[in-house]
């Protein structure tokens, strides 16, 4: 089985925050890396994307980015025709936890993403018809 490499790449230190939370919740994973983008004045996205792709050579690479249409995602998206890797965006901690625990293949991941289980939820609508006791809080 081919070794898997998972990279979380985001604007600012969000990637590092996701990694920190994952380490607490599911434990450390040596195949998981955080890439904080635009945290220094000399940051170069193209060089960073090239480095990530080169470091994952010979491995199955999954890249999780923070924002569809954002520069970080666009930087990786531009390389999809030249390199074989999986690019997932609008990443959440729940999605990253699930992927860390279940290690899904690309088809399983597509199915999970299509189910909507990792979409944002407006919680006020969940309790609209629910009565909560103080003991429930």
N, C-alpha and C. Protein backbone atom coordinates (compact mmCIF):
# COMPACT_ATOMS: atom_id res chain seq x y z
N UNK A 1 0.85 -1.18 0.00
CA UNK A 1 0.00 0.00 0.00
C UNK A 1 0.90 1.25 0.00
N UNK A 2 0.53 2.21 -0.81
CA UNK A 2 1.31 3.43 -0.95
C UNK A 2 1.14 4.31 0.30
N UNK A 3 2.24 4.91 0.73
CA UNK A 3 2.19 5.78 1.91
C UNK A 3 1.40 7.05 1.59
N UNK A 4 0.64 7.51 2.57
CA UNK A 4 -0.19 8.70 2.42
C UNK A 4 0.45 9.88 3.13
N UNK A 5 0.36 11.03 2.48
CA UNK A 5 0.82 12.30 3.07
C UNK A 5 -0.37 13.24 3.07
N UNK A 6 -0.65 13.86 4.21
CA UNK A 6 -1.77 14.80 4.33
C UNK A 6 -1.21 16.15 4.72
N UNK A 7 -1.59 17.17 3.95
CA UNK A 7 -1.13 18.53 4.20
C UNK A 7 -2.34 19.43 4.40
N UNK A 8 -2.31 20.20 5.46
CA UNK A 8 -3.32 21.22 5.70
C UNK A 8 -2.65 22.55 5.38
N UNK A 9 -3.17 23.26 4.38
CA UNK A 9 -2.57 24.53 3.96
C UNK A 9 -3.62 25.63 4.03
N UNK A 10 -3.33 26.68 4.79
CA UNK A 10 -4.31 27.73 5.02
C UNK A 10 -3.66 29.11 5.05
N UNK A 11 -4.49 30.11 5.00
CA UNK A 11 -4.05 31.49 5.23
C UNK A 11 -3.72 31.62 6.72
N UNK A 12 -2.64 32.30 7.02
CA UNK A 12 -2.29 32.51 8.42
C UNK A 12 -1.95 31.21 9.12
N UNK A 13 -2.22 31.16 10.42
CA UNK A 13 -1.84 30.00 11.23
C UNK A 13 -3.01 29.04 11.49
N UNK A 14 -4.04 29.14 10.68
CA UNK A 14 -5.18 28.22 10.85
C UNK A 14 -4.74 26.77 10.70
N UNK A 15 -3.86 26.48 9.74
CA UNK A 15 -3.39 25.10 9.55
C UNK A 15 -2.73 24.58 10.82
N UNK A 16 -1.90 25.39 11.43
CA UNK A 16 -1.25 25.02 12.68
C UNK A 16 -2.27 24.79 13.79
N UNK A 17 -3.32 25.61 13.80
CA UNK A 17 -4.39 25.43 14.78
C UNK A 17 -5.14 24.13 14.57
N UNK A 18 -5.46 23.81 13.31
CA UNK A 18 -6.10 22.52 13.01
C UNK A 18 -5.21 21.37 13.48
N UNK A 19 -3.92 21.45 13.18
CA UNK A 19 -2.99 20.39 13.56
C UNK A 19 -2.90 20.25 15.07
N UNK A 20 -2.86 21.37 15.77
CA UNK A 20 -2.83 21.34 17.23
C UNK A 20 -4.06 20.65 17.80
N UNK A 21 -5.23 21.02 17.28
CA UNK A 21 -6.47 20.39 17.75
C UNK A 21 -6.50 18.90 17.43
N UNK A 22 -6.06 18.53 16.23
CA UNK A 22 -6.03 17.11 15.86
C UNK A 22 -5.10 16.32 16.78
N UNK A 23 -3.96 16.89 17.10
CA UNK A 23 -3.02 16.20 17.99
C UNK A 23 -3.65 15.93 19.35
N UNK A 24 -4.46 16.86 19.83
CA UNK A 24 -5.13 16.69 21.12
C UNK A 24 -6.24 15.65 21.03
N UNK A 25 -7.04 15.73 19.98
CA UNK A 25 -8.25 14.90 19.87
C UNK A 25 -7.97 13.49 19.37
N UNK A 26 -7.16 13.35 18.32
CA UNK A 26 -6.96 12.02 17.73
C UNK A 26 -5.52 11.51 17.88
N UNK A 27 -4.64 12.33 18.40
CA UNK A 27 -3.24 11.94 18.56
C UNK A 27 -2.39 12.43 17.41
N UNK A 28 -1.10 12.41 17.63
CA UNK A 28 -0.18 12.90 16.61
C UNK A 28 -0.08 11.91 15.47
N UNK A 29 0.15 12.47 14.27
CA UNK A 29 0.25 11.67 13.05
C UNK A 29 1.43 12.21 12.25
N UNK A 30 2.46 11.40 12.09
CA UNK A 30 3.68 11.86 11.41
C UNK A 30 3.47 12.12 9.93
N UNK A 31 2.38 11.64 9.35
CA UNK A 31 2.10 11.88 7.93
C UNK A 31 1.25 13.12 7.69
N UNK A 32 1.00 13.89 8.74
CA UNK A 32 0.16 15.08 8.67
C UNK A 32 1.01 16.33 8.91
N UNK A 33 0.92 17.29 7.99
CA UNK A 33 1.74 18.49 8.05
C UNK A 33 0.87 19.74 7.91
N UNK A 34 1.22 20.78 8.65
CA UNK A 34 0.54 22.07 8.53
C UNK A 34 1.42 23.02 7.73
N UNK A 35 0.80 23.76 6.81
CA UNK A 35 1.50 24.78 6.03
C UNK A 35 0.77 26.09 6.24
N UNK A 36 1.41 26.98 7.00
CA UNK A 36 0.84 28.31 7.28
C UNK A 36 1.29 29.26 6.17
N UNK A 37 0.35 29.81 5.45
CA UNK A 37 0.67 30.67 4.30
C UNK A 37 0.50 32.14 4.66
N UNK A 38 1.34 32.96 4.07
CA UNK A 38 1.29 34.42 4.22
C UNK A 38 1.57 34.89 5.64
N UNK A 39 2.38 34.15 6.37
CA UNK A 39 2.70 34.57 7.74
C UNK A 39 3.98 35.39 7.83
N UNK A 40 4.69 35.50 6.71
CA UNK A 40 5.88 36.32 6.65
C UNK A 40 5.81 37.20 5.40
N UNK A 41 6.48 38.35 5.44
CA UNK A 41 6.43 39.26 4.28
C UNK A 41 7.01 38.66 3.00
N UNK A 42 7.93 37.71 3.13
CA UNK A 42 8.57 37.12 1.95
C UNK A 42 7.94 35.80 1.51
N UNK A 43 6.76 35.48 2.03
CA UNK A 43 6.10 34.23 1.66
C UNK A 43 5.87 34.16 0.16
N UNK A 44 6.15 32.99 -0.42
CA UNK A 44 5.96 32.77 -1.85
C UNK A 44 5.10 31.52 -2.03
N UNK A 45 3.87 31.69 -2.45
CA UNK A 45 2.93 30.58 -2.58
C UNK A 45 3.40 29.56 -3.61
N UNK A 46 3.87 30.01 -4.74
CA UNK A 46 4.29 29.08 -5.80
C UNK A 46 5.43 28.18 -5.32
N UNK A 47 6.40 28.76 -4.63
CA UNK A 47 7.50 27.97 -4.07
C UNK A 47 7.01 26.99 -3.02
N UNK A 48 6.05 27.43 -2.20
CA UNK A 48 5.52 26.58 -1.15
C UNK A 48 4.77 25.39 -1.75
N UNK A 49 3.93 25.64 -2.74
CA UNK A 49 3.20 24.56 -3.40
C UNK A 49 4.18 23.58 -4.04
N UNK A 50 5.19 24.10 -4.71
CA UNK A 50 6.20 23.23 -5.34
C UNK A 50 6.92 22.37 -4.30
N UNK A 51 7.24 22.97 -3.16
CA UNK A 51 7.92 22.23 -2.09
C UNK A 51 7.03 21.12 -1.55
N UNK A 52 5.75 21.43 -1.31
CA UNK A 52 4.80 20.43 -0.80
C UNK A 52 4.69 19.27 -1.77
N UNK A 53 4.56 19.57 -3.05
CA UNK A 53 4.43 18.52 -4.06
C UNK A 53 5.70 17.68 -4.17
N UNK A 54 6.86 18.32 -4.09
CA UNK A 54 8.13 17.60 -4.17
C UNK A 54 8.33 16.69 -2.96
N UNK A 55 7.97 17.19 -1.76
CA UNK A 55 8.14 16.39 -0.54
C UNK A 55 7.20 15.19 -0.50
N UNK A 56 6.14 15.23 -1.28
CA UNK A 56 5.17 14.13 -1.29
C UNK A 56 5.41 13.16 -2.45
N UNK A 57 6.47 13.35 -3.18
CA UNK A 57 6.74 12.49 -4.33
C UNK A 57 6.77 11.03 -3.90
N UNK A 58 6.05 10.19 -4.64
CA UNK A 58 5.99 8.77 -4.34
C UNK A 58 4.95 8.41 -3.29
N UNK A 59 4.23 9.40 -2.79
CA UNK A 59 3.20 9.18 -1.79
C UNK A 59 1.85 9.63 -2.34
N UNK A 60 0.79 9.12 -1.77
CA UNK A 60 -0.54 9.61 -2.12
C UNK A 60 -0.79 10.87 -1.30
N UNK A 61 -0.92 12.00 -1.98
CA UNK A 61 -1.02 13.29 -1.30
C UNK A 61 -2.46 13.78 -1.26
N UNK A 62 -2.90 14.15 -0.06
CA UNK A 62 -4.18 14.81 0.16
C UNK A 62 -3.86 16.20 0.71
N UNK A 63 -4.34 17.24 0.02
CA UNK A 63 -4.14 18.61 0.47
C UNK A 63 -5.49 19.19 0.86
N UNK A 64 -5.60 19.67 2.09
CA UNK A 64 -6.81 20.29 2.60
C UNK A 64 -6.54 21.79 2.73
N UNK A 65 -7.35 22.61 2.06
CA UNK A 65 -7.19 24.06 2.15
C UNK A 65 -8.41 24.68 2.81
N UNK A 66 -8.27 25.96 3.15
CA UNK A 66 -9.30 26.61 3.95
C UNK A 66 -10.45 27.23 3.17
N UNK A 67 -10.23 27.66 1.94
CA UNK A 67 -11.25 28.49 1.31
C UNK A 67 -11.28 28.28 -0.21
N UNK A 68 -12.41 27.83 -0.71
CA UNK A 68 -12.60 27.69 -2.16
C UNK A 68 -12.48 29.06 -2.80
N UNK A 69 -11.64 29.17 -3.81
CA UNK A 69 -11.42 30.44 -4.49
C UNK A 69 -10.37 31.31 -3.82
N UNK A 70 -9.89 30.88 -2.66
CA UNK A 70 -8.83 31.63 -1.98
C UNK A 70 -7.49 31.35 -2.65
N UNK A 71 -6.54 32.21 -2.41
CA UNK A 71 -5.25 32.08 -3.08
C UNK A 71 -4.53 30.77 -2.77
N UNK A 72 -4.63 30.29 -1.53
CA UNK A 72 -3.95 29.04 -1.18
C UNK A 72 -4.54 27.89 -1.99
N UNK A 73 -5.85 27.78 -1.99
CA UNK A 73 -6.50 26.73 -2.78
C UNK A 73 -6.19 26.90 -4.26
N UNK A 74 -6.26 28.13 -4.75
CA UNK A 74 -5.98 28.37 -6.17
C UNK A 74 -4.56 27.98 -6.54
N UNK A 75 -3.61 28.19 -5.63
CA UNK A 75 -2.22 27.81 -5.90
C UNK A 75 -2.07 26.32 -6.10
N UNK A 76 -2.75 25.54 -5.28
CA UNK A 76 -2.71 24.08 -5.46
C UNK A 76 -3.56 23.65 -6.65
N UNK A 77 -4.71 24.28 -6.82
CA UNK A 77 -5.61 23.94 -7.92
C UNK A 77 -4.89 24.07 -9.27
N UNK A 78 -4.05 25.10 -9.40
CA UNK A 78 -3.33 25.33 -10.65
C UNK A 78 -2.37 24.20 -11.00
N UNK A 79 -2.03 23.36 -10.03
CA UNK A 79 -1.07 22.28 -10.25
C UNK A 79 -1.73 20.92 -10.43
N UNK A 80 -3.07 20.87 -10.35
CA UNK A 80 -3.77 19.59 -10.47
C UNK A 80 -3.55 18.89 -11.81
N UNK A 81 -3.37 19.63 -12.88
CA UNK A 81 -3.15 19.01 -14.18
C UNK A 81 -1.73 18.45 -14.32
N UNK A 82 -0.80 18.94 -13.52
CA UNK A 82 0.60 18.53 -13.62
C UNK A 82 1.00 17.46 -12.60
N UNK A 83 0.27 17.37 -11.51
CA UNK A 83 0.61 16.44 -10.44
C UNK A 83 -0.65 15.69 -10.03
N UNK A 84 -0.46 14.43 -9.66
CA UNK A 84 -1.60 13.64 -9.20
C UNK A 84 -1.68 13.76 -7.67
N UNK A 85 -2.69 14.48 -7.20
CA UNK A 85 -2.95 14.59 -5.77
C UNK A 85 -4.42 14.94 -5.58
N UNK A 86 -4.88 14.82 -4.36
CA UNK A 86 -6.27 15.10 -4.01
C UNK A 86 -6.34 16.46 -3.32
N UNK A 87 -7.21 17.34 -3.80
CA UNK A 87 -7.35 18.68 -3.24
C UNK A 87 -8.76 18.86 -2.70
N UNK A 88 -8.86 19.15 -1.42
CA UNK A 88 -10.14 19.32 -0.73
C UNK A 88 -10.12 20.70 -0.09
N UNK A 89 -11.22 21.44 -0.22
CA UNK A 89 -11.24 22.79 0.34
C UNK A 89 -12.46 23.01 1.23
N UNK A 90 -12.52 24.19 1.82
CA UNK A 90 -13.53 24.51 2.85
C UNK A 90 -13.43 23.51 4.00
N UNK A 91 -12.22 23.26 4.40
CA UNK A 91 -11.90 22.25 5.40
C UNK A 91 -12.44 22.63 6.78
N UNK A 92 -12.85 21.61 7.52
CA UNK A 92 -13.31 21.79 8.89
C UNK A 92 -12.55 20.82 9.80
N UNK A 93 -12.56 21.12 11.08
CA UNK A 93 -11.93 20.22 12.04
C UNK A 93 -12.61 18.86 12.03
N UNK A 94 -13.93 18.85 11.90
CA UNK A 94 -14.66 17.57 11.85
C UNK A 94 -14.22 16.71 10.68
N UNK A 95 -14.07 17.32 9.52
CA UNK A 95 -13.61 16.59 8.34
C UNK A 95 -12.20 16.05 8.56
N UNK A 96 -11.32 16.88 9.08
CA UNK A 96 -9.95 16.44 9.31
C UNK A 96 -9.89 15.32 10.35
N UNK A 97 -10.71 15.41 11.38
CA UNK A 97 -10.77 14.35 12.39
C UNK A 97 -11.22 13.04 11.74
N UNK A 98 -12.30 13.11 10.97
CA UNK A 98 -12.83 11.92 10.33
C UNK A 98 -11.78 11.29 9.43
N UNK A 99 -11.11 12.10 8.63
CA UNK A 99 -10.08 11.58 7.72
C UNK A 99 -8.91 10.98 8.49
N UNK A 100 -8.55 11.57 9.61
CA UNK A 100 -7.46 11.04 10.42
C UNK A 100 -7.82 9.70 11.04
N UNK A 101 -9.07 9.56 11.44
CA UNK A 101 -9.49 8.33 12.11
C UNK A 101 -9.86 7.21 11.15
N UNK A 102 -10.43 7.55 9.99
CA UNK A 102 -10.92 6.51 9.07
C UNK A 102 -10.02 6.28 7.87
N UNK A 103 -9.12 7.22 7.58
CA UNK A 103 -8.18 7.09 6.47
C UNK A 103 -8.89 6.69 5.16
N UNK A 104 -9.90 7.47 4.75
CA UNK A 104 -10.68 7.07 3.57
C UNK A 104 -9.89 7.19 2.27
N UNK A 105 -10.24 6.33 1.30
CA UNK A 105 -9.65 6.52 -0.02
C UNK A 105 -10.41 7.66 -0.72
N UNK A 106 -9.99 8.03 -1.91
CA UNK A 106 -10.57 9.19 -2.60
C UNK A 106 -12.07 9.00 -2.84
N UNK A 107 -12.50 7.80 -3.23
CA UNK A 107 -13.92 7.58 -3.49
C UNK A 107 -14.75 7.67 -2.21
N UNK A 108 -14.23 7.13 -1.12
CA UNK A 108 -14.93 7.23 0.16
C UNK A 108 -15.01 8.68 0.62
N UNK A 109 -13.94 9.41 0.41
CA UNK A 109 -13.93 10.83 0.79
C UNK A 109 -14.94 11.62 -0.02
N UNK A 110 -15.01 11.36 -1.32
CA UNK A 110 -16.02 12.02 -2.18
C UNK A 110 -17.42 11.75 -1.65
N UNK A 111 -17.67 10.51 -1.28
CA UNK A 111 -18.99 10.13 -0.77
C UNK A 111 -19.30 10.87 0.53
N UNK A 112 -18.33 10.94 1.43
CA UNK A 112 -18.53 11.65 2.70
C UNK A 112 -18.81 13.13 2.45
N UNK A 113 -18.05 13.73 1.54
CA UNK A 113 -18.23 15.15 1.25
C UNK A 113 -19.60 15.39 0.60
N UNK A 114 -20.04 14.47 -0.23
CA UNK A 114 -21.33 14.60 -0.89
C UNK A 114 -22.51 14.43 0.04
N UNK A 115 -22.29 13.77 1.18
CA UNK A 115 -23.38 13.52 2.12
C UNK A 115 -23.78 14.78 2.89
N UNK A 116 -22.92 15.78 2.90
CA UNK A 116 -23.22 17.01 3.61
C UNK A 116 -22.93 16.96 5.10
N UNK A 117 -22.39 15.86 5.58
CA UNK A 117 -22.17 15.74 7.03
C UNK A 117 -21.09 16.67 7.57
N UNK A 118 -20.32 17.30 6.68
CA UNK A 118 -19.28 18.22 7.14
C UNK A 118 -19.58 19.66 6.79
N UNK A 119 -20.83 19.93 6.45
CA UNK A 119 -21.25 21.29 6.13
C UNK A 119 -21.48 22.09 7.41
N UNK A 120 -21.42 23.39 7.28
CA UNK A 120 -21.73 24.26 8.42
C UNK A 120 -23.21 24.11 8.79
N UNK A 121 -23.50 24.26 10.05
CA UNK A 121 -24.87 24.10 10.56
C UNK A 121 -25.25 25.34 11.38
N UNK A 122 -26.40 25.88 11.10
CA UNK A 122 -26.94 26.98 11.90
C UNK A 122 -27.70 26.35 13.05
N UNK A 123 -27.08 26.30 14.23
CA UNK A 123 -27.60 25.54 15.36
C UNK A 123 -28.91 26.07 15.91
N UNK A 124 -29.20 27.35 15.73
CA UNK A 124 -30.46 27.90 16.23
C UNK A 124 -31.64 27.14 15.64
N UNK A 125 -31.50 26.72 14.36
CA UNK A 125 -32.59 25.97 13.73
C UNK A 125 -32.76 24.60 14.34
N UNK A 126 -31.71 24.04 14.91
CA UNK A 126 -31.81 22.71 15.52
C UNK A 126 -32.65 22.73 16.78
N UNK A 127 -32.62 23.83 17.50
CA UNK A 127 -33.35 23.86 18.77
C UNK A 127 -34.65 24.65 18.68
N UNK A 128 -35.02 25.03 17.48
CA UNK A 128 -36.22 25.84 17.29
C UNK A 128 -37.47 25.19 17.93
N UNK A 129 -37.62 23.91 17.77
CA UNK A 129 -38.79 23.20 18.31
C UNK A 129 -38.43 22.35 19.52
N UNK A 130 -37.28 22.59 20.08
CA UNK A 130 -36.82 21.82 21.23
C UNK A 130 -36.89 22.66 22.48
N UNK A 131 -37.33 22.08 23.55
CA UNK A 131 -37.28 22.76 24.84
C UNK A 131 -36.11 22.18 25.62
N UNK A 132 -35.27 23.07 26.12
CA UNK A 132 -34.11 22.64 26.90
C UNK A 132 -34.32 22.97 28.36
N UNK A 133 -34.03 22.01 29.22
CA UNK A 133 -33.98 22.26 30.64
C UNK A 133 -32.59 22.76 31.00
N UNK A 134 -32.49 23.39 32.15
CA UNK A 134 -31.18 23.86 32.60
C UNK A 134 -30.21 22.68 32.72
N UNK A 135 -30.70 21.50 33.05
CA UNK A 135 -29.86 20.32 33.19
C UNK A 135 -29.23 19.90 31.87
N UNK A 136 -29.86 20.30 30.74
CA UNK A 136 -29.35 19.94 29.41
C UNK A 136 -28.16 20.78 28.99
N UNK A 137 -27.95 21.91 29.66
CA UNK A 137 -26.88 22.83 29.26
C UNK A 137 -25.57 22.51 29.87
